[in-house]
PDB file of all heavy atoms in Angstrom:
ATOM      1  N   VAL A   1       0.864  -1.187   0.012  1.00  0.00           N
ATOM      2  CA  VAL A   1      -0.020   0.025  -0.038  1.00  0.00           C
ATOM      3  C   VAL A   1       0.842   1.273  -0.037  1.00  0.00           C
ATOM      4  O   VAL A   1       0.631   2.219  -0.790  1.00  0.00           O
ATOM      5  CB  VAL A   1      -0.963   0.026   1.219  1.00  0.00           C
ATOM      6  CG1 VAL A   1      -1.684   1.353   1.294  1.00  0.00           C
ATOM      7  CG2 VAL A   1      -1.938  -1.203   1.105  1.00  0.00           C
ATOM      8  N   LEU A   2       1.853   1.298   0.881  1.00  0.00           N
ATOM      9  CA  LEU A   2       2.767   2.425   0.902  1.00  0.00           C
ATOM     10  C   LEU A   2       3.656   2.549  -0.296  1.00  0.00           C
ATOM     11  O   LEU A   2       3.851   3.634  -0.854  1.00  0.00           O
ATOM     12  CB  LEU A   2       3.660   2.322   2.180  1.00  0.00           C
ATOM     13  CG  LEU A   2       4.627   3.515   2.408  1.00  0.00           C
ATOM     14  CD1 LEU A   2       3.935   4.835   2.350  1.00  0.00           C
ATOM     15  CD2 LEU A   2       5.460   3.327   3.692  1.00  0.00           C
ATOM     16  N   ARG A   3       4.128   1.398  -0.834  1.00  0.00           N
ATOM     17  CA  ARG A   3       4.958   1.451  -2.005  1.00  0.00           C
ATOM     18  C   ARG A   3       4.186   2.073  -3.235  1.00  0.00           C
ATOM     19  O   ARG A   3       4.673   2.869  -3.960  1.00  0.00           O
ATOM     20  CB  ARG A   3       5.495   0.065  -2.353  1.00  0.00           C
ATOM     21  CG  ARG A   3       6.610  -0.494  -1.496  1.00  0.00           C
ATOM     22  CD  ARG A   3       7.298  -1.633  -2.061  1.00  0.00           C
ATOM     23  NE  ARG A   3       6.392  -2.766  -2.396  1.00  0.00           N
ATOM     24  CZ  ARG A   3       6.044  -3.696  -1.480  1.00  0.00           C
ATOM     25  NH1 ARG A   3       6.534  -3.699  -0.253  1.00  0.00           N
ATOM     26  NH2 ARG A   3       5.241  -4.670  -1.785  1.00  0.00           N
ATOM     27  N   ASP A   4       2.941   1.564  -3.396  1.00  0.00           N
ATOM     28  CA  ASP A   4       2.160   2.119  -4.439  1.00  0.00           C
ATOM     29  C   ASP A   4       1.810   3.583  -4.254  1.00  0.00           C
ATOM     30  O   ASP A   4       1.735   4.389  -5.159  1.00  0.00           O
ATOM     31  CB  ASP A   4       0.796   1.276  -4.557  1.00  0.00           C
ATOM     32  CG  ASP A   4       0.965  -0.105  -4.996  1.00  0.00           C
ATOM     33  OD1 ASP A   4       2.114  -0.416  -5.535  1.00  0.00           O
ATOM     34  OD2 ASP A   4       0.071  -0.957  -4.897  1.00  0.00           O
ATOM     35  N   ARG A   5       1.554   3.995  -2.960  1.00  0.00           N
ATOM     36  CA  ARG A   5       1.266   5.336  -2.715  1.00  0.00           C
ATOM     37  C   ARG A   5       2.430   6.267  -2.997  1.00  0.00           C
ATOM     38  O   ARG A   5       2.303   7.412  -3.585  1.00  0.00           O
ATOM     39  CB  ARG A   5       0.845   5.516  -1.258  1.00  0.00           C
ATOM     40  CG  ARG A   5       0.385   6.857  -0.821  1.00  0.00           C
ATOM     41  CD  ARG A   5      -0.902   7.232  -1.534  1.00  0.00           C
ATOM     42  NE  ARG A   5      -1.386   8.551  -1.088  1.00  0.00           N
ATOM     43  CZ  ARG A   5      -2.257   9.271  -1.793  1.00  0.00           C
ATOM     44  NH1 ARG A   5      -2.644   8.937  -2.945  1.00  0.00           N
ATOM     45  NH2 ARG A   5      -2.658  10.458  -1.318  1.00  0.00           N
ATOM     46  N   ILE A   6       3.714   5.805  -2.725  1.00  0.00           N
ATOM     47  CA  ILE A   6       4.855   6.618  -2.964  1.00  0.00           C
ATOM     48  C   ILE A   6       4.986   6.865  -4.469  1.00  0.00           C
ATOM     49  O   ILE A   6       5.241   8.011  -4.924  1.00  0.00           O
ATOM     50  CB  ILE A   6       6.122   5.871  -2.450  1.00  0.00           C
ATOM     51  CG1 ILE A   6       6.080   5.868  -0.902  1.00  0.00           C
ATOM     52  CG2 ILE A   6       7.398   6.530  -2.985  1.00  0.00           C
ATOM     53  CD1 ILE A   6       7.160   5.026  -0.335  1.00  0.00           C
ATOM     54  N   GLY A   7       4.785   5.851  -5.258  1.00  0.00           N
ATOM     55  CA  GLY A   7       4.910   5.953  -6.719  1.00  0.00           C
ATOM     56  C   GLY A   7       3.875   6.957  -7.253  1.00  0.00           C
ATOM     57  O   GLY A   7       4.108   7.791  -8.105  1.00  0.00           O
ATOM     58  N   GLU A   8       2.607   6.834  -6.703  1.00  0.00           N
ATOM     59  CA  GLU A   8       1.524   7.747  -7.136  1.00  0.00           C
ATOM     60  C   GLU A   8       1.788   9.133  -6.843  1.00  0.00           C
ATOM     61  O   GLU A   8       1.626  10.023  -7.733  1.00  0.00           O
ATOM     62  CB  GLU A   8       0.153   7.310  -6.537  1.00  0.00           C
ATOM     63  CG  GLU A   8      -0.938   8.200  -6.879  1.00  0.00           C
ATOM     64  CD  GLU A   8      -2.204   7.803  -6.044  1.00  0.00           C
ATOM     65  OE1 GLU A   8      -2.192   6.816  -5.266  1.00  0.00           O
ATOM     66  OE2 GLU A   8      -3.187   8.612  -6.154  1.00  0.00           O
ATOM     67  N   LEU A   9       2.310   9.369  -5.609  1.00  0.00           N
ATOM     68  CA  LEU A   9       2.575  10.759  -5.212  1.00  0.00           C
ATOM     69  C   LEU A   9       3.711  11.356  -6.007  1.00  0.00           C
ATOM     70  O   LEU A   9       3.704  12.551  -6.328  1.00  0.00           O
ATOM     71  CB  LEU A   9       2.814  10.820  -3.694  1.00  0.00           C
ATOM     72  CG  LEU A   9       1.598  10.525  -2.829  1.00  0.00           C
ATOM     73  CD1 LEU A   9       1.989  10.410  -1.345  1.00  0.00           C
ATOM     74  CD2 LEU A   9       0.567  11.682  -3.012  1.00  0.00           C
ATOM     75  N   LEU A  10       4.836  10.627  -6.176  1.00  0.00           N
ATOM     76  CA  LEU A  10       5.961  11.153  -6.962  1.00  0.00           C
ATOM     77  C   LEU A  10       5.516  11.508  -8.363  1.00  0.00           C
ATOM     78  O   LEU A  10       5.959  12.520  -8.872  1.00  0.00           O
ATOM     79  CB  LEU A  10       7.117  10.128  -6.969  1.00  0.00           C
ATOM     80  CG  LEU A  10       7.850   9.900  -5.645  1.00  0.00           C
ATOM     81  CD1 LEU A  10       8.710   8.700  -5.764  1.00  0.00           C
ATOM     82  CD2 LEU A  10       8.637  11.138  -5.340  1.00  0.00           C
ATOM     83  N   GLN A  11       4.631  10.737  -8.954  1.00  0.00           N
ATOM     84  CA  GLN A  11       4.167  11.106 -10.272  1.00  0.00           C
ATOM     85  C   GLN A  11       3.268  12.306 -10.283  1.00  0.00           C
ATOM     86  O   GLN A  11       3.374  13.248 -11.068  1.00  0.00           O
ATOM     87  CB  GLN A  11       3.343   9.893 -10.843  1.00  0.00           C
ATOM     88  CG  GLN A  11       2.748  10.121 -12.283  1.00  0.00           C
ATOM     89  CD  GLN A  11       2.121   8.969 -12.802  1.00  0.00           C
ATOM     90  OE1 GLN A  11       1.654   8.001 -12.096  1.00  0.00           O
ATOM     91  NE2 GLN A  11       1.864   8.878 -14.128  1.00  0.00           N
ATOM     92  N   LEU A  12       2.397  12.380  -9.193  1.00  0.00           N
ATOM     93  CA  LEU A  12       1.518  13.534  -9.073  1.00  0.00           C
ATOM     94  C   LEU A  12       2.209  14.874  -8.942  1.00  0.00           C
ATOM     95  O   LEU A  12       1.845  15.848  -9.559  1.00  0.00           O
ATOM     96  CB  LEU A  12       0.578  13.296  -7.835  1.00  0.00           C
ATOM     97  CG  LEU A  12      -0.360  14.456  -7.448  1.00  0.00           C
ATOM     98  CD1 LEU A  12      -1.420  14.588  -8.583  1.00  0.00           C
ATOM     99  CD2 LEU A  12      -1.080  14.214  -6.132  1.00  0.00           C
ATOM    100  N   VAL A  13       3.282  14.891  -8.134  1.00  0.00           N
ATOM    101  CA  VAL A  13       4.045  16.122  -7.925  1.00  0.00           C
ATOM    102  C   VAL A  13       5.125  16.336  -8.900  1.00  0.00           C
ATOM    103  O   VAL A  13       5.943  17.293  -8.778  1.00  0.00           O
ATOM    104  CB  VAL A  13       4.537  16.252  -6.452  1.00  0.00           C
ATOM    105  CG1 VAL A  13       3.351  16.136  -5.542  1.00  0.00           C
ATOM    106  CG2 VAL A  13       5.594  15.122  -6.156  1.00  0.00           C
ATOM    107  N   GLY A  14       5.323  15.426  -9.854  1.00  0.00           N
ATOM    108  CA  GLY A  14       6.345  15.563 -10.894  1.00  0.00           C
ATOM    109  C   GLY A  14       7.743  15.403 -10.354  1.00  0.00           C
ATOM    110  O   GLY A  14       8.725  16.091 -10.799  1.00  0.00           O
ATOM    111  N   MET A  15       7.963  14.469  -9.472  1.00  0.00           N
ATOM    112  CA  MET A  15       9.274  14.219  -8.846  1.00  0.00           C
ATOM    113  C   MET A  15       9.821  12.871  -9.071  1.00  0.00           C
ATOM    114  O   MET A  15      10.733  12.374  -8.391  1.00  0.00           O
ATOM    115  CB  MET A  15       9.214  14.507  -7.300  1.00  0.00           C
ATOM    116  CG  MET A  15       8.936  15.955  -6.981  1.00  0.00           C
ATOM    117  SD  MET A  15      10.322  17.033  -7.250  1.00  0.00           S
ATOM    118  CE  MET A  15      11.329  16.524  -5.887  1.00  0.00           C
ATOM    119  N   GLU A  16       9.332  12.158 -10.091  1.00  0.00           N
ATOM    120  CA  GLU A  16       9.757  10.794 -10.378  1.00  0.00           C
ATOM    121  C   GLU A  16      11.297  10.830 -10.755  1.00  0.00           C
ATOM    122  O   GLU A  16      11.980   9.871 -10.320  1.00  0.00           O
ATOM    123  CB  GLU A  16       8.980  10.208 -11.507  1.00  0.00           C
ATOM    124  CG  GLU A  16       7.540   9.876 -11.093  1.00  0.00           C
ATOM    125  CD  GLU A  16       6.772   9.342 -12.283  1.00  0.00           C
ATOM    126  OE1 GLU A  16       6.498  10.129 -13.284  1.00  0.00           O
ATOM    127  OE2 GLU A  16       6.343   8.175 -12.247  1.00  0.00           O
ATOM    128  N   ASP A  17      11.742  11.723 -11.436  1.00  0.00           N
ATOM    129  CA  ASP A  17      13.164  11.729 -11.908  1.00  0.00           C
ATOM    130  C   ASP A  17      14.054  12.043 -10.679  1.00  0.00           C
ATOM    131  O   ASP A  17      15.264  11.749 -10.842  1.00  0.00           O
ATOM    132  CB  ASP A  17      13.436  12.796 -13.017  1.00  0.00           C
ATOM    133  CG  ASP A  17      12.651  12.441 -14.319  1.00  0.00           C
ATOM    134  OD1 ASP A  17      12.344  11.276 -14.401  1.00  0.00           O
ATOM    135  OD2 ASP A  17      12.424  13.344 -15.117  1.00  0.00           O
ATOM    136  N   ALA A  18      13.524  12.615  -9.611  1.00  0.00           N
ATOM    137  CA  ALA A  18      14.441  12.922  -8.477  1.00  0.00           C
ATOM    138  C   ALA A  18      14.146  12.085  -7.261  1.00  0.00           C
ATOM    139  O   ALA A  18      14.555  12.395  -6.178  1.00  0.00           O
ATOM    140  CB  ALA A  18      14.172  14.458  -8.081  1.00  0.00           C
ATOM    141  N   ARG A  19      13.457  10.974  -7.465  1.00  0.00           N
ATOM    142  CA  ARG A  19      13.049  10.083  -6.375  1.00  0.00           C
ATOM    143  C   ARG A  19      14.303   9.572  -5.619  1.00  0.00           C
ATOM    144  O   ARG A  19      14.237   9.276  -4.390  1.00  0.00           O
ATOM    145  CB  ARG A  19      12.140   8.981  -6.826  1.00  0.00           C
ATOM    146  CG  ARG A  19      12.764   7.972  -7.729  1.00  0.00           C
ATOM    147  CD  ARG A  19      11.739   7.030  -8.240  1.00  0.00           C
ATOM    148  NE  ARG A  19      11.063   6.321  -7.175  1.00  0.00           N
ATOM    149  CZ  ARG A  19       9.818   5.735  -7.286  1.00  0.00           C
ATOM    150  NH1 ARG A  19       9.216   5.770  -8.491  1.00  0.00           N
ATOM    151  NH2 ARG A  19       9.258   5.106  -6.301  1.00  0.00           N
ATOM    152  N   HIS A  20      15.442   9.325  -6.307  1.00  0.00           N
ATOM    153  CA  HIS A  20      16.589   8.691  -5.663  1.00  0.00           C
ATOM    154  C   HIS A  20      17.692   9.832  -5.371  1.00  0.00           C
ATOM    155  O   HIS A  20      18.752   9.453  -4.835  1.00  0.00           O
ATOM    156  CB  HIS A  20      17.198   7.634  -6.574  1.00  0.00           C
ATOM    157  CG  HIS A  20      16.273   6.551  -6.801  1.00  0.00           C
ATOM    158  ND1 HIS A  20      15.661   5.758  -5.903  1.00  0.00           N
ATOM    159  CD2 HIS A  20      15.811   5.981  -8.012  1.00  0.00           C
ATOM    160  CE1 HIS A  20      14.912   4.834  -6.400  1.00  0.00           C
ATOM    161  NE2 HIS A  20      14.971   4.947  -7.689  1.00  0.00           N
ATOM    162  N   ARG A  21      17.415  11.130  -5.541  1.00  0.00           N
ATOM    163  CA  ARG A  21      18.337  12.142  -5.130  1.00  0.00           C
ATOM    164  C   ARG A  21      18.093  12.522  -3.700  1.00  0.00           C
ATOM    165  O   ARG A  21      16.947  12.486  -3.216  1.00  0.00           O
ATOM    166  CB  ARG A  21      18.088  13.365  -6.035  1.00  0.00           C
ATOM    167  CG  ARG A  21      18.583  13.173  -7.427  1.00  0.00           C
ATOM    168  CD  ARG A  21      18.240  14.361  -8.311  1.00  0.00           C
ATOM    169  NE  ARG A  21      18.755  15.679  -7.756  1.00  0.00           N
ATOM    170  CZ  ARG A  21      18.441  16.883  -8.170  1.00  0.00           C
ATOM    171  NH1 ARG A  21      17.681  16.949  -9.342  1.00  0.00           N
ATOM    172  NH2 ARG A  21      18.882  17.965  -7.625  1.00  0.00           N
ATOM    173  N   ARG A  22      19.099  12.884  -2.997  1.00  0.00           N
ATOM    174  CA  ARG A  22      19.011  13.258  -1.579  1.00  0.00           C
ATOM    175  C   ARG A  22      18.397  14.645  -1.516  1.00  0.00           C
ATOM    176  O   ARG A  22      18.632  15.536  -2.331  1.00  0.00           O
ATOM    177  CB  ARG A  22      20.409  13.286  -0.925  1.00  0.00           C
ATOM    178  CG  ARG A  22      21.092  11.969  -0.848  1.00  0.00           C
ATOM    179  CD  ARG A  22      22.298  11.929   0.096  1.00  0.00           C
ATOM    180  NE  ARG A  22      22.956  10.677   0.014  1.00  0.00           N
ATOM    181  CZ  ARG A  22      22.572   9.559   0.722  1.00  0.00           C
ATOM    182  NH1 ARG A  22      21.515   9.670   1.518  1.00  0.00           N
ATOM    183  NH2 ARG A  22      23.282   8.444   0.637  1.00  0.00           N
ATOM    184  N   VAL A  23      17.502  14.798  -0.491  1.00  0.00           N
ATOM    185  CA  VAL A  23      16.718  15.976  -0.348  1.00  0.00           C
ATOM    186  C   VAL A  23      17.647  17.207  -0.160  1.00  0.00           C
ATOM    187  O   VAL A  23      17.280  18.346  -0.514  1.00  0.00           O
ATOM    188  CB  VAL A  23      15.724  15.812   0.866  1.00  0.00           C
ATOM    189  CG1 VAL A  23      15.023  17.190   1.204  1.00  0.00           C
ATOM    190  CG2 VAL A  23      14.703  14.792   0.585  1.00  0.00           C
ATOM    191  N   GLY A  24      18.811  17.028   0.430  1.00  0.00           N
ATOM    192  CA  GLY A  24      19.774  18.182   0.674  1.00  0.00           C
ATOM    193  C   GLY A  24      20.176  18.764  -0.628  1.00  0.00           C
ATOM    194  O   GLY A  24      20.575  19.972  -0.537  1.00  0.00           O
ATOM    195  N   GLY A  25      19.960  18.197  -1.780  1.00  0.00           N
ATOM    196  CA  GLY A  25      20.325  18.785  -3.049  1.00  0.00           C
ATOM    197  C   GLY A  25      19.169  19.367  -3.818  1.00  0.00           C
ATOM    198  O   GLY A  25      19.284  19.795  -4.956  1.00  0.00           O
ATOM    199  N   TYR A  26      17.964  19.401  -3.117  1.00  0.00           N
ATOM    200  CA  TYR A  26      16.790  19.897  -3.869  1.00  0.00           C
ATOM    201  C   TYR A  26      16.731  21.377  -3.824  1.00  0.00           C
ATOM    202  O   TYR A  26      17.259  22.030  -2.867  1.00  0.00           O
ATOM    203  CB  TYR A  26      15.493  19.383  -3.114  1.00  0.00           C
ATOM    204  CG  TYR A  26      15.071  17.921  -3.400  1.00  0.00           C
ATOM    205  CD1 TYR A  26      15.894  17.193  -4.254  1.00  0.00           C
ATOM    206  CD2 TYR A  26      13.903  17.444  -2.880  1.00  0.00           C
ATOM    207  CE1 TYR A  26      15.541  15.835  -4.501  1.00  0.00           C
ATOM    208  CE2 TYR A  26      13.453  16.133  -3.145  1.00  0.00           C
ATOM    209  CZ  TYR A  26      14.357  15.340  -3.981  1.00  0.00           C
ATOM    210  OH  TYR A  26      13.956  14.053  -4.277  1.00  0.00           O
ATOM    211  N   SER A  27      16.150  21.950  -4.904  1.00  0.00           N
ATOM    212  CA  SER A  27      15.823  23.451  -4.928  1.00  0.00           C
ATOM    213  C   SER A  27      14.633  23.724  -4.016  1.00  0.00           C
ATOM    214  O   SER A  27      13.919  22.805  -3.515  1.00  0.00           O
ATOM    215  CB  SER A  27      15.542  23.894  -6.335  1.00  0.00           C
ATOM    216  OG  SER A  27      14.313  23.277  -6.775  1.00  0.00           O
ATOM    217  N   LYS A  28      14.293  25.034  -3.829  1.00  0.00           N
ATOM    218  CA  LYS A  28      13.134  25.353  -3.008  1.00  0.00           C
ATOM    219  C   LYS A  28      11.896  24.889  -3.602  1.00  0.00           C
ATOM    220  O   LYS A  28      11.026  24.360  -2.923  1.00  0.00           O
ATOM    221  CB  LYS A  28      13.091  26.915  -2.897  1.00  0.00           C
ATOM    222  CG  LYS A  28      11.920  27.450  -2.025  1.00  0.00           C
ATOM    223  CD  LYS A  28      11.957  27.040  -0.585  1.00  0.00           C
ATOM    224  CE  LYS A  28      10.748  27.431   0.213  1.00  0.00           C
ATOM    225  NZ  LYS A  28      10.593  28.877   0.406  1.00  0.00           N
ATOM    226  N   GLY A  29      11.738  24.999  -4.934  1.00  0.00           N
ATOM    227  CA  GLY A  29      10.558  24.463  -5.536  1.00  0.00           C
ATOM    228  C   GLY A  29      10.380  22.975  -5.437  1.00  0.00           C
ATOM    229  O   GLY A  29       9.289  22.472  -5.181  1.00  0.00           O
ATOM    230  N   MET A  30      11.478  22.280  -5.504  1.00  0.00           N
ATOM    231  CA  MET A  30      11.463  20.767  -5.392  1.00  0.00           C
ATOM    232  C   MET A  30      11.065  20.461  -3.937  1.00  0.00           C
ATOM    233  O   MET A  30      10.277  19.453  -3.637  1.00  0.00           O
ATOM    234  CB  MET A  30      12.834  20.177  -5.709  1.00  0.00           C
ATOM    235  CG  MET A  30      13.151  20.313  -7.240  1.00  0.00           C
ATOM    236  SD  MET A  30      14.871  19.836  -7.628  1.00  0.00           S
ATOM    237  CE  MET A  30      14.731  18.064  -7.443  1.00  0.00           C
ATOM    238  N   LEU A  31      11.615  21.152  -2.928  1.00  0.00           N
ATOM    239  CA  LEU A  31      11.277  20.924  -1.571  1.00  0.00           C
ATOM    240  C   LEU A  31       9.765  21.137  -1.250  1.00  0.00           C
ATOM    241  O   LEU A  31       9.109  20.402  -0.558  1.00  0.00           O
ATOM    242  CB  LEU A  31      12.010  21.844  -0.634  1.00  0.00           C
ATOM    243  CG  LEU A  31      13.544  21.485  -0.410  1.00  0.00           C
ATOM    244  CD1 LEU A  31      14.231  22.579   0.378  1.00  0.00           C
ATOM    245  CD2 LEU A  31      13.656  20.120   0.256  1.00  0.00           C
TER     246      LEU A  31
END
């Protein structure tokens, strides 16, 4: 349930390409 939800949310917010990047390297918009 959680694995499916993670994939759905990353797609919804347009962050699939950055799913494996560390949050410390995110821009303000990505955060």
